[in-house]
């Protein structure tokens, strides 16, 4: 499952960030911001127009991501 497919209020664990090209700047930046394997993530809110942006929480930090950015984050179900 990808982060852009997770419903508001749902939790998951980050599996990895997908690089869509060798020097994917967006994927690299997500990793720098803390979207790393094993971190819990929660979708806090989803924008009203086309679902953009998404508010997500990683650890104690909240981020606003476009759906295209969130689609790079692959998840594993939270146990």
C-alpha atoms as a PDB file:
ATOM      1  CA  UNK A   1       0.000   0.000   0.000  1.00  0.00           C
ATOM      2  CA  UNK A   2       1.134   3.553  -0.669  1.00  0.00           C
ATOM      3  CA  UNK A   3       0.733   6.548   1.619  1.00  0.00           C
ATOM      4  CA  UNK A   4      -1.599   8.319  -0.826  1.00  0.00           C
ATOM      5  CA  UNK A   5      -3.987   5.318  -0.527  1.00  0.00           C
ATOM      6  CA  UNK A   6      -4.183   5.431   3.273  1.00  0.00           C
ATOM      7  CA  UNK A   7      -7.462   6.861   4.625  1.00  0.00           C
ATOM      8  CA  UNK A   8      -7.565   9.775   7.053  1.00  0.00           C
ATOM      9  CA  UNK A   9      -7.107   8.650  10.653  1.00  0.00           C
ATOM     10  CA  UNK A  10      -5.358   5.410   9.684  1.00  0.00           C
ATOM     11  CA  UNK A  11      -1.912   4.346  10.887  1.00  0.00           C
ATOM     12  CA  UNK A  12       0.807   2.361   9.141  1.00  0.00           C
ATOM     13  CA  UNK A  13       4.550   1.771   9.226  1.00  0.00           C
ATOM     14  CA  UNK A  14       6.868   3.077   6.513  1.00  0.00           C
ATOM     15  CA  UNK A  15       8.447   0.241   4.542  1.00  0.00           C
ATOM     16  CA  UNK A  16      10.545   2.354   2.159  1.00  0.00           C
ATOM     17  CA  UNK A  17      10.533   5.374  -0.143  1.00  0.00           C
ATOM     18  CA  UNK A  18      10.420   4.522  -3.835  1.00  0.00           C
ATOM     19  CA  UNK A  19      12.866   6.259  -6.163  1.00  0.00           C
ATOM     20  CA  UNK A  20      11.189   6.725  -9.543  1.00  0.00           C
ATOM     21  CA  UNK A  21      14.434   7.694 -11.274  1.00  0.00           C
ATOM     22  CA  UNK A  22      18.099   7.464 -10.241  1.00  0.00           C
ATOM     23  CA  UNK A  23      18.277  10.988  -8.815  1.00  0.00           C
ATOM     24  CA  UNK A  24      14.703  11.380  -7.566  1.00  0.00           C
ATOM     25  CA  UNK A  25      14.949  14.626  -5.601  1.00  0.00           C
ATOM     26  CA  UNK A  26      11.485  14.249  -4.035  1.00  0.00           C
ATOM     27  CA  UNK A  27      12.205  10.730  -2.741  1.00  0.00           C
ATOM     28  CA  UNK A  28      15.591  11.841  -1.423  1.00  0.00           C
ATOM     29  CA  UNK A  29      14.021  14.794   0.392  1.00  0.00           C
ATOM     30  CA  UNK A  30      11.316  12.600   1.949  1.00  0.00           C
ATOM     31  CA  UNK A  31      14.059  10.438   3.429  1.00  0.00           C
ATOM     32  CA  UNK A  32      15.817  13.517   4.822  1.00  0.00           C
ATOM     33  CA  UNK A  33      12.561  14.652   6.431  1.00  0.00           C
ATOM     34  CA  UNK A  34      12.159  11.373   8.328  1.00  0.00           C
ATOM     35  CA  UNK A  35      10.151   9.142   6.004  1.00  0.00           C
ATOM     36  CA  UNK A  36      12.385   6.175   6.790  1.00  0.00           C
ATOM     37  CA  UNK A  37      11.717   2.435   7.212  1.00  0.00           C
ATOM     38  CA  UNK A  38      10.098   1.489  10.513  1.00  0.00           C
ATOM     39  CA  UNK A  39       8.660   4.925  11.318  1.00  0.00           C
ATOM     40  CA  UNK A  40       4.957   5.092  12.154  1.00  0.00           C
ATOM     41  CA  UNK A  41       2.900   7.337   9.892  1.00  0.00           C
ATOM     42  CA  UNK A  42      -0.683   8.600  10.169  1.00  0.00           C
ATOM     43  CA  UNK A  43      -2.841  10.498   7.695  1.00  0.00           C
ATOM     44  CA  UNK A  44      -4.238  13.394   9.714  1.00  0.00           C
ATOM     45  CA  UNK A  45      -6.354  15.062   7.013  1.00  0.00           C
ATOM     46  CA  UNK A  46      -6.962  15.062   3.274  1.00  0.00           C
ATOM     47  CA  UNK A  47      -7.606  18.195   1.225  1.00  0.00           C
ATOM     48  CA  UNK A  48     -11.140  18.790  -0.067  1.00  0.00           C
ATOM     49  CA  UNK A  49     -10.259  19.317  -3.734  1.00  0.00           C
ATOM     50  CA  UNK A  50      -8.839  16.169  -5.322  1.00  0.00           C
ATOM     51  CA  UNK A  51      -7.344  15.075  -2.006  1.00  0.00           C
ATOM     52  CA  UNK A  52      -4.456  17.560  -2.215  1.00  0.00           C
ATOM     53  CA  UNK A  53      -2.637  18.267  -0.035  1.00  0.00           C
ATOM     54  CA  UNK A  54      -2.529  15.495   2.551  1.00  0.00           C
ATOM     55  CA  UNK A  55      -1.549  16.223   6.152  1.00  0.00           C
ATOM     56  CA  UNK A  56       0.525  13.343   7.511  1.00  0.00           C
ATOM     57  CA  UNK A  57       2.239  12.784  10.826  1.00  0.00           C
ATOM     58  CA  UNK A  58       5.582  11.005  11.099  1.00  0.00           C
ATOM     59  CA  UNK A  59       6.713  10.657  14.682  1.00  0.00           C
ATOM     60  CA  UNK A  60       5.766  13.972  16.288  1.00  0.00           C
ATOM     61  CA  UNK A  61       6.073  16.051  13.109  1.00  0.00           C
ATOM     62  CA  UNK A  62       3.310  16.940  10.648  1.00  0.00           C
ATOM     63  CA  UNK A  63       3.842  17.461   6.947  1.00  0.00           C
ATOM     64  CA  UNK A  64       1.678  18.587   4.047  1.00  0.00           C
ATOM     65  CA  UNK A  65       2.339  16.426   0.985  1.00  0.00           C
ATOM     66  CA  UNK A  66       0.949  16.356  -2.508  1.00  0.00           C
ATOM     67  CA  UNK A  67      -0.563  12.997  -3.426  1.00  0.00           C
ATOM     68  CA  UNK A  68       2.163  12.560  -6.050  1.00  0.00           C
ATOM     69  CA  UNK A  69       4.788  12.900  -3.298  1.00  0.00           C
ATOM     70  CA  UNK A  70       2.921  10.629  -0.874  1.00  0.00           C
ATOM     71  CA  UNK A  71       2.662   7.933  -3.561  1.00  0.00           C
ATOM     72  CA  UNK A  72       6.435   7.394  -3.273  1.00  0.00           C
ATOM     73  CA  UNK A  73       6.075   6.187   0.347  1.00  0.00           C
ATOM     74  CA  UNK A  74       5.323   2.466   0.557  1.00  0.00           C
ATOM     75  CA  UNK A  75       3.772   1.116   3.744  1.00  0.00           C
ATOM     76  CA  UNK A  76       3.374  -2.065   5.690  1.00  0.00           C
ATOM     77  CA  UNK A  77       0.246  -2.613   7.811  1.00  0.00           C
ATOM     78  CA  UNK A  78       0.556  -1.622  11.431  1.00  0.00           C
ATOM     79  CA  UNK A  79       0.385  -4.634  13.736  1.00  0.00           C
END
